[in-house]
Amino acid sequence: MEELKQVIVIRKDIGMGVGKTVAQGAHASLMSYLETAKKHGDIADGWIRAGEKKIVLKVEGEEALKKLQKAFEYKKIPCALVTDAGLTQLPAGTFTALGIGPWKGSEIDAFTSGLKLL
């Protein structure tokens, strides 16, 4: 079976502190995992058994994050866009992160290989 992984994409242009960044990444990871488990339980289970590989990448700007989301939705790859509640550092409704997968690594890489590690 092909390597399964999850990718978390974090916006770096909105000035989140370290704790906020970690929290938003955790939201993206869990939300995306739940999307995968709901529709593709076998892939979610296989990812868990294989050690839950995660890669964290960065983008600049809301449009870059939304463009990625649209690409993955078009390909029917489970993903989840995180919107901040506005309780601390950011205005309510700010898009902060995107969780992708777990899914087949090569299919995720087709859209994320040009991004840099966080």
PDB file of N, CA and C in Angstrom:
ATOM      1  N   MET A   1       0.837  -1.192   0.000  1.00  0.00           N
ATOM      2  CA  MET A   1       0.000   0.000   0.000  1.00  0.00           C
ATOM      3  C   MET A   1       0.879   1.252   0.000  1.00  0.00           C
ATOM      4  N   GLU A   2       0.427   2.251  -0.702  1.00  0.00           N
ATOM      5  CA  GLU A   2       1.158   3.520  -0.765  1.00  0.00           C
ATOM      6  C   GLU A   2       1.209   4.184   0.611  1.00  0.00           C
ATOM      7  N   GLU A   3       2.274   4.940   0.829  1.00  0.00           N
ATOM      8  CA  GLU A   3       2.425   5.669   2.086  1.00  0.00           C
ATOM      9  C   GLU A   3       1.248   6.624   2.301  1.00  0.00           C
ATOM     10  N   LEU A   4       0.707   6.597   3.517  1.00  0.00           N
ATOM     11  CA  LEU A   4      -0.367   7.512   3.906  1.00  0.00           C
ATOM     12  C   LEU A   4       0.222   8.600   4.786  1.00  0.00           C
ATOM     13  N   LYS A   5      -0.268   9.818   4.592  1.00  0.00           N
ATOM     14  CA  LYS A   5       0.193  10.910   5.442  1.00  0.00           C
ATOM     15  C   LYS A   5      -0.887  11.966   5.542  1.00  0.00           C
ATOM     16  N   GLN A   6      -0.676  12.845   6.498  1.00  0.00           N
ATOM     17  CA  GLN A   6      -1.534  13.999   6.663  1.00  0.00           C
ATOM     18  C   GLN A   6      -0.658  15.236   6.513  1.00  0.00           C
ATOM     19  N   VAL A   7      -1.189  16.254   5.862  1.00  0.00           N
ATOM     20  CA  VAL A   7      -0.456  17.505   5.724  1.00  0.00           C
ATOM     21  C   VAL A   7      -1.287  18.611   6.373  1.00  0.00           C
ATOM     22  N   ILE A   8      -0.608  19.416   7.166  1.00  0.00           N
ATOM     23  CA  ILE A   8      -1.212  20.582   7.801  1.00  0.00           C
ATOM     24  C   ILE A   8      -0.559  21.807   7.164  1.00  0.00           C
ATOM     25  N   VAL A   9      -1.378  22.712   6.650  1.00  0.00           N
ATOM     26  CA  VAL A   9      -0.866  23.938   6.036  1.00  0.00           C
ATOM     27  C   VAL A   9      -1.304  25.115   6.909  1.00  0.00           C
ATOM     28  N   ILE A  10      -0.324  25.895   7.358  1.00  0.00           N
ATOM     29  CA  ILE A  10      -0.556  27.001   8.277  1.00  0.00           C
ATOM     30  C   ILE A  10      -0.295  28.329   7.566  1.00  0.00           C
ATOM     31  N   ARG A  11      -1.165  29.294   7.778  1.00  0.00           N
ATOM     32  CA  ARG A  11      -0.921  30.652   7.265  1.00  0.00           C
ATOM     33  C   ARG A  11       0.129  31.338   8.124  1.00  0.00           C
ATOM     34  N   LYS A  12       1.136  31.900   7.485  1.00  0.00           N
ATOM     35  CA  LYS A  12       2.207  32.589   8.213  1.00  0.00           C
ATOM     36  C   LYS A  12       2.118  34.109   8.109  1.00  0.00           C
ATOM     37  N   ASP A  13       1.133  34.624   7.429  1.00  0.00           N
ATOM     38  CA  ASP A  13       1.040  36.067   7.209  1.00  0.00           C
ATOM     39  C   ASP A  13       0.150  36.780   8.222  1.00  0.00           C
ATOM     40  N   ILE A  14      -0.383  36.077   9.204  1.00  0.00           N
ATOM     41  CA  ILE A  14      -1.357  36.700  10.109  1.00  0.00           C
ATOM     42  C   ILE A  14      -0.833  36.878  11.529  1.00  0.00           C
ATOM     43  N   GLY A  15       0.439  36.598  11.748  1.00  0.00           N
ATOM     44  CA  GLY A  15       1.072  36.916  13.023  1.00  0.00           C
ATOM     45  C   GLY A  15       0.610  36.104  14.219  1.00  0.00           C
ATOM     46  N   MET A  16       0.281  34.835  14.015  1.00  0.00           N
ATOM     47  CA  MET A  16      -0.102  33.993  15.149  1.00  0.00           C
ATOM     48  C   MET A  16       1.129  33.688  16.002  1.00  0.00           C
ATOM     49  N   GLY A  17       0.944  33.705  17.307  1.00  0.00           N
ATOM     50  CA  GLY A  17       2.001  33.283  18.208  1.00  0.00           C
ATOM     51  C   GLY A  17       2.201  31.776  18.117  1.00  0.00           C
ATOM     52  N   VAL A  18       3.234  31.280  18.776  1.00  0.00           N
ATOM     53  CA  VAL A  18       3.551  29.855  18.706  1.00  0.00           C
ATOM     54  C   VAL A  18       2.396  29.007  19.227  1.00  0.00           C
ATOM     55  N   GLY A  19       1.852  29.361  20.368  1.00  0.00           N
ATOM     56  CA  GLY A  19       0.757  28.582  20.942  1.00  0.00           C
ATOM     57  C   GLY A  19      -0.467  28.567  20.049  1.00  0.00           C
ATOM     58  N   LYS A  20      -0.810  29.730  19.493  1.00  0.00           N
ATOM     59  CA  LYS A  20      -1.953  29.842  18.592  1.00  0.00           C
ATOM     60  C   LYS A  20      -1.725  29.003  17.338  1.00  0.00           C
ATOM     61  N   THR A  21      -0.510  29.048  16.808  1.00  0.00           N
ATOM     62  CA  THR A  21      -0.174  28.264  15.618  1.00  0.00           C
ATOM     63  C   THR A  21      -0.340  26.766  15.887  1.00  0.00           C
ATOM     64  N   VAL A  22       0.172  26.321  17.022  1.00  0.00           N
ATOM     65  CA  VAL A  22       0.055  24.906  17.387  1.00  0.00           C
ATOM     66  C   VAL A  22      -1.416  24.516  17.539  1.00  0.00           C
ATOM     67  N   ALA A  23      -2.195  25.359  18.201  1.00  0.00           N
ATOM     68  CA  ALA A  23      -3.614  25.059  18.398  1.00  0.00           C
ATOM     69  C   ALA A  23      -4.357  24.972  17.060  1.00  0.00           C
ATOM     70  N   GLN A  24      -4.074  25.896  16.153  1.00  0.00           N
ATOM     71  CA  GLN A  24      -4.744  25.880  14.850  1.00  0.00           C
ATOM     72  C   GLN A  24      -4.342  24.644  14.044  1.00  0.00           C
ATOM     73  N   GLY A  25      -3.064  24.270  14.140  1.00  0.00           N
ATOM     74  CA  GLY A  25      -2.613  23.046  13.475  1.00  0.00           C
ATOM     75  C   GLY A  25      -3.289  21.809  14.048  1.00  0.00           C
ATOM     76  N   ALA A  26      -3.478  21.796  15.365  1.00  0.00           N
ATOM     77  CA  ALA A  26      -4.161  20.666  16.004  1.00  0.00           C
ATOM     78  C   ALA A  26      -5.616  20.595  15.546  1.00  0.00           C
ATOM     79  N   HIS A  27      -6.271  21.747  15.452  1.00  0.00           N
ATOM     80  CA  HIS A  27      -7.652  21.766  14.938  1.00  0.00           C
ATOM     81  C   HIS A  27      -7.693  21.180  13.524  1.00  0.00           C
ATOM     82  N   ALA A  28      -6.770  21.627  12.678  1.00  0.00           N
ATOM     83  CA  ALA A  28      -6.741  21.164  11.287  1.00  0.00           C
ATOM     84  C   ALA A  28      -6.515  19.658  11.217  1.00  0.00           C
ATOM     85  N   SER A  29      -5.600  19.156  12.027  1.00  0.00           N
ATOM     86  CA  SER A  29      -5.301  17.727  12.027  1.00  0.00           C
ATOM     87  C   SER A  29      -6.518  16.902  12.429  1.00  0.00           C
ATOM     88  N   LEU A  30      -7.129  17.268  13.524  1.00  0.00           N
ATOM     89  CA  LEU A  30      -8.270  16.501  14.019  1.00  0.00           C
ATOM     90  C   LEU A  30      -9.466  16.591  13.074  1.00  0.00           C
ATOM     91  N   MET A  31      -9.775  17.806  12.618  1.00  0.00           N
ATOM     92  CA  MET A  31     -10.919  17.980  11.726  1.00  0.00           C
ATOM     93  C   MET A  31     -10.753  17.188  10.428  1.00  0.00           C
ATOM     94  N   SER A  32      -9.556  17.231   9.878  1.00  0.00           N
ATOM     95  CA  SER A  32      -9.295  16.518   8.631  1.00  0.00           C
ATOM     96  C   SER A  32      -9.319  15.008   8.837  1.00  0.00           C
ATOM     97  N   TYR A  33      -8.745  14.553   9.952  1.00  0.00           N
ATOM     98  CA  TYR A  33      -8.797  13.122  10.274  1.00  0.00           C
ATOM     99  C   TYR A  33     -10.247  12.649  10.364  1.00  0.00           C
ATOM    100  N   LEU A  34     -11.091  13.417  11.039  1.00  0.00           N
ATOM    101  CA  LEU A  34     -12.494  13.025  11.189  1.00  0.00           C
ATOM    102  C   LEU A  34     -13.209  12.975   9.843  1.00  0.00           C
ATOM    103  N   GLU A  35     -12.887  13.898   8.943  1.00  0.00           N
ATOM    104  CA  GLU A  35     -13.449  13.851   7.582  1.00  0.00           C
ATOM    105  C   GLU A  35     -13.043  12.566   6.875  1.00  0.00           C
ATOM    106  N   THR A  36     -11.767  12.209   7.001  1.00  0.00           N
ATOM    107  CA  THR A  36     -11.280  10.979   6.367  1.00  0.00           C
ATOM    108  C   THR A  36     -11.952   9.763   6.980  1.00  0.00           C
ATOM    109  N   ALA A  37     -12.023   9.716   8.311  1.00  0.00           N
ATOM    110  CA  ALA A  37     -12.611   8.559   8.997  1.00  0.00           C
ATOM    111  C   ALA A  37     -14.078   8.369   8.612  1.00  0.00           C
ATOM    112  N   LYS A  38     -14.786   9.475   8.419  1.00  0.00           N
ATOM    113  CA  LYS A  38     -16.212   9.414   8.085  1.00  0.00           C
ATOM    114  C   LYS A  38     -16.433   8.798   6.699  1.00  0.00           C
ATOM    115  N   LYS A  39     -15.580   9.157   5.748  1.00  0.00           N
ATOM    116  CA  LYS A  39     -15.793   8.742   4.361  1.00  0.00           C
ATOM    117  C   LYS A  39     -14.896   7.596   3.903  1.00  0.00           C
ATOM    118  N   HIS A  40     -13.738   7.451   4.545  1.00  0.00           N
ATOM    119  CA  HIS A  40     -12.739   6.451   4.135  1.00  0.00           C
ATOM    120  C   HIS A  40     -12.092   5.837   5.377  1.00  0.00           C
ATOM    121  N   GLY A  41     -12.897   5.105   6.136  1.00  0.00           N
ATOM    122  CA  GLY A  41     -12.431   4.533   7.396  1.00  0.00           C
ATOM    123  C   GLY A  41     -11.203   3.660   7.244  1.00  0.00           C
ATOM    124  N   ASP A  42     -11.105   2.942   6.129  1.00  0.00           N
ATOM    125  CA  ASP A  42      -9.946   2.063   5.912  1.00  0.00           C
ATOM    126  C   ASP A  42      -8.651   2.873   5.813  1.00  0.00           C
ATOM    127  N   ILE A  43      -8.700   4.019   5.163  1.00  0.00           N
ATOM    128  CA  ILE A  43      -7.509   4.863   5.040  1.00  0.00           C
ATOM    129  C   ILE A  43      -7.160   5.474   6.393  1.00  0.00           C
ATOM    130  N   ALA A  44      -8.155   5.957   7.114  1.00  0.00           N
ATOM    131  CA  ALA A  44      -7.910   6.527   8.440  1.00  0.00           C
ATOM    132  C   ALA A  44      -7.288   5.480   9.365  1.00  0.00           C
ATOM    133  N   ASP A  45      -7.819   4.273   9.351  1.00  0.00           N
ATOM    134  CA  ASP A  45      -7.275   3.197  10.194  1.00  0.00           C
ATOM    135  C   ASP A  45      -5.855   2.826   9.784  1.00  0.00           C
ATOM    136  N   GLY A  46      -5.607   2.758   8.485  1.00  0.00           N
ATOM    137  CA  GLY A  46      -4.265   2.424   7.996  1.00  0.00           C
ATOM    138  C   GLY A  46      -3.241   3.468   8.401  1.00  0.00           C
ATOM    139  N   TRP A  47      -3.628   4.724   8.366  1.00  0.00           N
ATOM    140  CA  TRP A  47      -2.748   5.818   8.781  1.00  0.00           C
ATOM    141  C   TRP A  47      -2.416   5.706  10.259  1.00  0.00           C
ATOM    142  N   ILE A  48      -3.414   5.419  11.074  1.00  0.00           N
ATOM    143  CA  ILE A  48      -3.184   5.240  12.516  1.00  0.00           C
ATOM    144  C   ILE A  48      -2.198   4.095  12.748  1.00  0.00           C
ATOM    145  N   ARG A  49      -2.427   2.975  12.093  1.00  0.00           N
ATOM    146  CA  ARG A  49      -1.546   1.799  12.271  1.00  0.00           C
ATOM    147  C   ARG A  49      -0.118   2.074  11.791  1.00  0.00           C
ATOM    148  N   ALA A  50       0.028   2.945  10.802  1.00  0.00           N
ATOM    149  CA  ALA A  50       1.350   3.220  10.225  1.00  0.00           C
ATOM    150  C   ALA A  50       2.127   4.294  10.984  1.00  0.00           C
ATOM    151  N   GLY A  51       1.539   4.877  12.030  1.00  0.00           N
ATOM    152  CA  GLY A  51       2.282   5.843  12.838  1.00  0.00           C
ATOM    153  C   GLY A  51       1.868   7.291  12.703  1.00  0.00           C
ATOM    154  N   GLU A  52       0.796   7.567  11.953  1.00  0.00           N
ATOM    155  CA  GLU A  52       0.221   8.914  11.858  1.00  0.00           C
ATOM    156  C   GLU A  52       1.187   9.971  11.322  1.00  0.00           C
ATOM    157  N   LYS A  53       1.841   9.687  10.221  1.00  0.00           N
ATOM    158  CA  LYS A  53       2.786  10.641   9.628  1.00  0.00           C
ATOM    159  C   LYS A  53       2.095  11.958   9.315  1.00  0.00           C
ATOM    160  N   LYS A  54       2.722  13.059   9.768  1.00  0.00           N
ATOM    161  CA  LYS A  54       2.217  14.408   9.519  1.00  0.00           C
ATOM    162  C   LYS A  54       3.344  15.288   9.003  1.00  0.00           C
ATOM    163  N   ILE A  55       3.019  16.154   8.074  1.00  0.00           N
ATOM    164  CA  ILE A  55       3.943  17.147   7.552  1.00  0.00           C
ATOM    165  C   ILE A  55       3.271  18.505   7.752  1.00  0.00           C
ATOM    166  N   VAL A  56       4.021  19.494   8.246  1.00  0.00           N
ATOM    167  CA  VAL A  56       3.452  20.823   8.466  1.00  0.00           C
ATOM    168  C   VAL A  56       4.154  21.805   7.530  1.00  0.00           C
ATOM    169  N   LEU A  57       3.343  22.463   6.696  1.00  0.00           N
ATOM    170  CA  LEU A  57       3.829  23.386   5.683  1.00  0.00           C
ATOM    171  C   LEU A  57       3.244  24.769   5.922  1.00  0.00           C
ATOM    172  N   LYS A  58       3.750  25.758   5.191  1.00  0.00           N
ATOM    173  CA  LYS A  58       3.269  27.123   5.373  1.00  0.00           C
ATOM    174  C   LYS A  58       2.885  27.759   4.043  1.00  0.00           C
ATOM    175  N   VAL A  59       1.942  28.698   4.141  1.00  0.00           N
ATOM    176  CA  VAL A  59       1.549  29.534   3.004  1.00  0.00           C
ATOM    177  C   VAL A  59       1.408  30.964   3.489  1.00  0.00           C
ATOM    178  N   GLU A  60       1.413  31.875   2.544  1.00  0.00           N
ATOM    179  CA  GLU A  60       1.171  33.294   2.820  1.00  0.00           C
ATOM    180  C   GLU A  60      -0.160  33.655   2.178  1.00  0.00           C
ATOM    181  N   GLY A  61      -1.118  34.053   2.984  1.00  0.00           N
ATOM    182  CA  GLY A  61      -2.366  34.592   2.461  1.00  0.00           C
ATOM    183  C   GLY A  61      -3.548  33.645   2.460  1.00  0.00           C
ATOM    184  N   GLU A  62      -4.706  34.270   2.655  1.00  0.00           N
ATOM    185  CA  GLU A  62      -5.972  33.526   2.666  1.00  0.00           C
ATOM    186  C   GLU A  62      -6.249  32.873   1.325  1.00  0.00           C
ATOM    187  N   GLU A  63      -5.967  33.584   0.248  1.00  0.00           N
ATOM    188  CA  GLU A  63      -6.262  33.037  -1.081  1.00  0.00           C
ATOM    189  C   GLU A  63      -5.463  31.770  -1.372  1.00  0.00           C
ATOM    190  N   ALA A  64      -4.211  31.733  -0.942  1.00  0.00           N
ATOM    191  CA  ALA A  64      -3.390  30.533  -1.154  1.00  0.00           C
ATOM    192  C   ALA A  64      -3.985  29.345  -0.414  1.00  0.00           C
ATOM    193  N   LEU A  65      -4.464  29.573   0.803  1.00  0.00           N
ATOM    194  CA  LEU A  65      -5.057  28.508   1.608  1.00  0.00           C
ATOM    195  C   LEU A  65      -6.357  28.014   0.965  1.00  0.00           C
ATOM    196  N   LYS A  66      -7.200  28.943   0.539  1.00  0.00           N
ATOM    197  CA  LYS A  66      -8.481  28.569  -0.072  1.00  0.00           C
ATOM    198  C   LYS A  66      -8.286  27.884  -1.427  1.00  0.00           C
ATOM    199  N   LYS A  67      -7.272  28.302  -2.158  1.00  0.00           N
ATOM    200  CA  LYS A  67      -6.982  27.662  -3.452  1.00  0.00           C
ATOM    201  C   LYS A  67      -6.603  26.197  -3.246  1.00  0.00           C
ATOM    202  N   LEU A  68      -5.787  25.939  -2.229  1.00  0.00           N
ATOM    203  CA  LEU A  68      -5.434  24.550  -1.902  1.00  0.00           C
ATOM    204  C   LEU A  68      -6.678  23.752  -1.520  1.00  0.00           C
ATOM    205  N   GLN A  69      -7.508  24.334  -0.672  1.00  0.00           N
ATOM    206  CA  GLN A  69      -8.725  23.641  -0.246  1.00  0.00           C
ATOM    207  C   GLN A  69      -9.571  23.256  -1.458  1.00  0.00           C
ATOM    208  N   LYS A  70      -9.768  24.190  -2.366  1.00  0.00           N
ATOM    209  CA  LYS A  70     -10.582  23.920  -3.552  1.00  0.00           C
ATOM    210  C   LYS A  70      -9.980  22.803  -4.405  1.00  0.00           C
ATOM    211  N   ALA A  71      -8.667  22.788  -4.529  1.00  0.00           N
ATOM    212  CA  ALA A  71      -8.006  21.735  -5.318  1.00  0.00           C
ATOM    213  C   ALA A  71      -8.247  20.365  -4.706  1.00  0.00           C
ATOM    214  N   PHE A  72      -8.100  20.268  -3.392  1.00  0.00           N
ATOM    215  CA  PHE A  72      -8.303  18.972  -2.731  1.00  0.00           C
ATOM    216  C   PHE A  72      -9.770  18.556  -2.763  1.00  0.00           C
ATOM    217  N   GLU A  73     -10.668  19.493  -2.587  1.00  0.00           N
ATOM    218  CA  GLU A  73     -12.091  19.152  -2.680  1.00  0.00           C
ATOM    219  C   GLU A  73     -12.441  18.672  -4.084  1.00  0.00           C
ATOM    220  N   TYR A  74     -11.879  19.314  -5.109  1.00  0.00           N
ATOM    221  CA  TYR A  74     -12.121  18.913  -6.491  1.00  0.00           C
ATOM    222  C   TYR A  74     -11.673  17.464  -6.720  1.00  0.00           C
ATOM    223  N   LYS A  75     -10.530  17.101  -6.122  1.00  0.00           N
ATOM    224  CA  LYS A  75     -10.000  15.736  -6.268  1.00  0.00           C
ATOM    225  C   LYS A  75     -10.629  14.752  -5.281  1.00  0.00           C
ATOM    226  N   LYS A  76     -11.572  15.250  -4.459  1.00  0.00           N
ATOM    227  CA  LYS A  76     -12.269  14.428  -3.461  1.00  0.00           C
ATOM    228  C   LYS A  76     -11.323  13.841  -2.420  1.00  0.00           C
ATOM    229  N   ILE A  77     -10.292  14.612  -2.081  1.00  0.00           N
ATOM    230  CA  ILE A  77      -9.358  14.242  -1.017  1.00  0.00           C
ATOM    231  C   ILE A  77      -9.835  14.957   0.248  1.00  0.00           C
ATOM    232  N   PRO A  78     -10.087  14.211   1.332  1.00  0.00           N
ATOM    233  CA  PRO A  78     -10.622  14.836   2.539  1.00  0.00           C
ATOM    234  C   PRO A  78      -9.710  15.946   3.057  1.00  0.00           C
ATOM    235  N   CYS A  79     -10.345  17.071   3.419  1.00  0.00           N
ATOM    236  CA  CYS A  79      -9.608  18.201   3.966  1.00  0.00           C
ATOM    237  C   CYS A  79     -10.546  19.005   4.848  1.00  0.00           C
ATOM    238  N   ALA A  80      -9.957  19.886   5.648  1.00  0.00           N
ATOM    239  CA  ALA A  80     -10.760  20.718   6.543  1.00  0.00           C
ATOM    240  C   ALA A  80     -10.085  22.070   6.716  1.00  0.00           C
ATOM    241  N   LEU A  81     -10.838  23.125   6.454  1.00  0.00           N
ATOM    242  CA  LEU A  81     -10.355  24.491   6.593  1.00  0.00           C
ATOM    243  C   LEU A  81     -10.728  25.006   7.982  1.00  0.00           C
ATOM    244  N   VAL A  82      -9.746  25.536   8.697  1.00  0.00           N
ATOM    245  CA  VAL A  82      -9.965  26.032  10.057  1.00  0.00           C
ATOM    246  C   VAL A  82     -10.258  27.525  10.013  1.00  0.00           C
ATOM    247  N   THR A  83     -11.330  27.909  10.671  1.00  0.00           N
ATOM    248  CA  THR A  83     -11.729  29.303  10.804  1.00  0.00           C
ATOM    249  C   THR A  83     -11.661  29.672  12.280  1.00  0.00           C
ATOM    250  N   ASP A  84     -10.941  30.724  12.608  1.00  0.00           N
ATOM    251  CA  ASP A  84     -10.760  31.106  14.009  1.00  0.00           C
ATOM    252  C   ASP A  84     -12.050  31.697  14.589  1.00  0.00           C
ATOM    253  N   ALA A  85     -12.270  31.416  15.872  1.00  0.00           N
ATOM    254  CA  ALA A  85     -13.460  31.903  16.566  1.00  0.00           C
ATOM    255  C   ALA A  85     -13.329  33.352  17.009  1.00  0.00           C
ATOM    256  N   GLY A  86     -12.120  33.894  16.984  1.00  0.00           N
ATOM    257  CA  GLY A  86     -11.926  35.296  17.336  1.00  0.00           C
ATOM    258  C   GLY A  86     -11.847  35.578  18.823  1.00  0.00           C
ATOM    259  N   LEU A  87     -11.514  34.574  19.618  1.00  0.00           N
ATOM    260  CA  LEU A  87     -11.485  34.759  21.070  1.00  0.00           C
ATOM    261  C   LEU A  87     -10.161  35.308  21.601  1.00  0.00           C
ATOM    262  N   THR A  88      -9.093  35.213  20.807  1.00  0.00           N
ATOM    263  CA  THR A  88      -7.788  35.661  21.316  1.00  0.00           C
ATOM    264  C   THR A  88      -7.109  36.614  20.343  1.00  0.00           C
ATOM    265  N   GLN A  89      -6.219  36.111  19.500  1.00  0.00           N
ATOM    266  CA  GLN A  89      -5.330  36.954  18.704  1.00  0.00           C
ATOM    267  C   GLN A  89      -5.895  37.447  17.376  1.00  0.00           C
ATOM    268  N   LEU A  90      -6.897  36.779  16.853  1.00  0.00           N
ATOM    269  CA  LEU A  90      -7.346  37.056  15.487  1.00  0.00           C
ATOM    270  C   LEU A  90      -8.819  37.429  15.447  1.00  0.00           C
ATOM    271  N   PRO A  91      -9.225  38.178  14.430  1.00  0.00           N
ATOM    272  CA  PRO A  91     -10.650  38.461  14.270  1.00  0.00           C
ATOM    273  C   PRO A  91     -11.429  37.181  13.944  1.00  0.00           C
ATOM    274  N   ALA A  92     -12.662  37.109  14.421  1.00  0.00           N
ATOM    275  CA  ALA A  92     -13.518  35.956  14.116  1.00  0.00           C
ATOM    276  C   ALA A  92     -13.628  35.791  12.602  1.00  0.00           C
ATOM    277  N   GLY A  93     -13.560  34.548  12.165  1.00  0.00           N
ATOM    278  CA  GLY A  93     -13.694  34.247  10.744  1.00  0.00           C
ATOM    279  C   GLY A  93     -12.396  34.193   9.970  1.00  0.00           C
ATOM    280  N   THR A  94     -11.267  34.451  10.634  1.00  0.00           N
ATOM    281  CA  THR A  94      -9.970  34.384   9.962  1.00  0.00           C
ATOM    282  C   THR A  94      -9.643  32.931   9.619  1.00  0.00           C
ATOM    283  N   PHE A  95      -9.298  32.664   8.370  1.00  0.00           N
ATOM    284  CA  PHE A  95      -8.866  31.329   7.961  1.00  0.00           C
ATOM    285  C   PHE A  95      -7.411  31.153   8.374  1.00  0.00           C
ATOM    286  N   THR A  96      -7.123  30.121   9.164  1.00  0.00           N
ATOM    287  CA  THR A  96      -5.798  29.969   9.754  1.00  0.00           C
ATOM    288  C   THR A  96      -5.011  28.769   9.262  1.00  0.00           C
ATOM    289  N   ALA A  97      -5.696  27.679   8.930  1.00  0.00           N
ATOM    290  CA  ALA A  97      -4.997  26.436   8.608  1.00  0.00           C
ATOM    291  C   ALA A  97      -5.878  25.536   7.762  1.00  0.00           C
ATOM    292  N   LEU A  98      -5.223  24.594   7.097  1.00  0.00           N
ATOM    293  CA  LEU A  98      -5.918  23.585   6.308  1.00  0.00           C
ATOM    294  C   LEU A  98      -5.335  22.232   6.653  1.00  0.00           C
ATOM    295  N   GLY A  99      -6.187  21.307   7.038  1.00  0.00           N
ATOM    296  CA  GLY A  99      -5.773  19.916   7.241  1.00  0.00           C
ATOM    297  C   GLY A  99      -6.117  19.120   6.005  1.00  0.00           C
ATOM    298  N   ILE A 100      -5.193  18.277   5.569  1.00  0.00           N
ATOM    299  CA  ILE A 100      -5.388  17.464   4.362  1.00  0.00           C
ATOM    300  C   ILE A 100      -5.119  16.013   4.719  1.00  0.00           C
ATOM    301  N   GLY A 101      -6.100  15.167   4.460  1.00  0.00           N
ATOM    302  CA  GLY A 101      -5.926  13.753   4.739  1.00  0.00           C
ATOM    303  C   GLY A 101      -6.125  13.404   6.201  1.00  0.00           C
ATOM    304  N   PRO A 102      -5.682  12.211   6.543  1.00  0.00           N
ATOM    305  CA  PRO A 102      -4.705  11.353   5.886  1.00  0.00           C
ATOM    306  C   PRO A 102      -5.182  10.830   4.529  1.00  0.00           C
ATOM    307  N   TRP A 103      -4.184  10.696   3.645  1.00  0.00           N
ATOM    308  CA  TRP A 103      -4.470  10.249   2.281  1.00  0.00           C
ATOM    309  C   TRP A 103      -3.179   9.727   1.667  1.00  0.00           C
ATOM    310  N   LYS A 104      -3.277   9.280   0.421  1.00  0.00           N
ATOM    311  CA  LYS A 104      -2.104   8.783  -0.307  1.00  0.00           C
ATOM    312  C   LYS A 104      -1.121   9.923  -0.525  1.00  0.00           C
ATOM    313  N   GLY A 105       0.121   9.715  -0.114  1.00  0.00           N
ATOM    314  CA  GLY A 105       1.136  10.755  -0.163  1.00  0.00           C
ATOM    315  C   GLY A 105       1.327  11.363  -1.530  1.00  0.00           C
ATOM    316  N   SER A 106       1.351  10.547  -2.555  1.00  0.00           N
ATOM    317  CA  SER A 106       1.611  11.071  -3.902  1.00  0.00           C
ATOM    318  C   SER A 106       0.500  12.003  -4.374  1.00  0.00           C
ATOM    319  N   GLU A 107      -0.727  11.735  -3.967  1.00  0.00           N
ATOM    320  CA  GLU A 107      -1.843  12.585  -4.377  1.00  0.00           C
ATOM    321  C   GLU A 107      -1.826  13.923  -3.628  1.00  0.00           C
ATOM    322  N   ILE A 108      -1.393  13.909  -2.370  1.00  0.00           N
ATOM    323  CA  ILE A 108      -1.251  15.158  -1.623  1.00  0.00           C
ATOM    324  C   ILE A 108      -0.081  15.960  -2.189  1.00  0.00           C
ATOM    325  N   ASP A 109       1.028  15.270  -2.453  1.00  0.00           N
ATOM    326  CA  ASP A 109       2.232  15.944  -2.952  1.00  0.00           C
ATOM    327  C   ASP A 109       2.003  16.670  -4.272  1.00  0.00           C
ATOM    328  N   ALA A 110       1.066  16.189  -5.070  1.00  0.00           N
ATOM    329  CA  ALA A 110       0.789  16.820  -6.360  1.00  0.00           C
ATOM    330  C   ALA A 110       0.424  18.297  -6.195  1.00  0.00           C
ATOM    331  N   PHE A 111      -0.131  18.656  -5.032  1.00  0.00           N
ATOM    332  CA  PHE A 111      -0.551  20.034  -4.792  1.00  0.00           C
ATOM    333  C   PHE A 111       0.314  20.759  -3.770  1.00  0.00           C
ATOM    334  N   THR A 112       1.110  20.046  -2.996  1.00  0.00           N
ATOM    335  CA  THR A 112       1.849  20.683  -1.896  1.00  0.00           C
ATOM    336  C   THR A 112       3.364  20.633  -2.030  1.00  0.00           C
ATOM    337  N   SER A 113       3.875  19.989  -3.048  1.00  0.00           N
ATOM    338  CA  SER A 113       5.323  19.796  -3.137  1.00  0.00           C
ATOM    339  C   SER A 113       6.092  21.106  -3.253  1.00  0.00           C
ATOM    340  N   GLY A 114       5.468  22.167  -3.715  1.00  0.00           N
ATOM    341  CA  GLY A 114       6.139  23.454  -3.843  1.00  0.00           C
ATOM    342  C   GLY A 114       6.137  24.300  -2.575  1.00  0.00           C
ATOM    343  N   LEU A 115       5.445  23.830  -1.539  1.00  0.00           N
ATOM    344  CA  LEU A 115       5.380  24.590  -0.283  1.00  0.00           C
ATOM    345  C   LEU A 115       6.564  24.264   0.610  1.00  0.00           C
ATOM    346  N   LYS A 116       6.911  25.204   1.467  1.00  0.00           N
ATOM    347  CA  LYS A 116       8.043  25.015   2.394  1.00  0.00           C
ATOM    348  C   LYS A 116       7.533  24.548   3.753  1.00  0.00           C
ATOM    349  N   LEU A 117       8.432  23.849   4.462  1.00  0.00           N
ATOM    350  CA  LEU A 117       8.123  23.414   5.813  1.00  0.00           C
ATOM    351  C   LEU A 117       7.919  24.628   6.712  1.00  0.00           C
ATOM    352  N   LEU A 118       7.048  24.481   7.696  1.00  0.00           N
ATOM    353  CA  LEU A 118       6.808  25.552   8.657  1.00  0.00           C
ATOM    354  C   LEU A 118       8.048  25.786   9.501  1.00  0.00           C
TER     355      LEU A 118
END
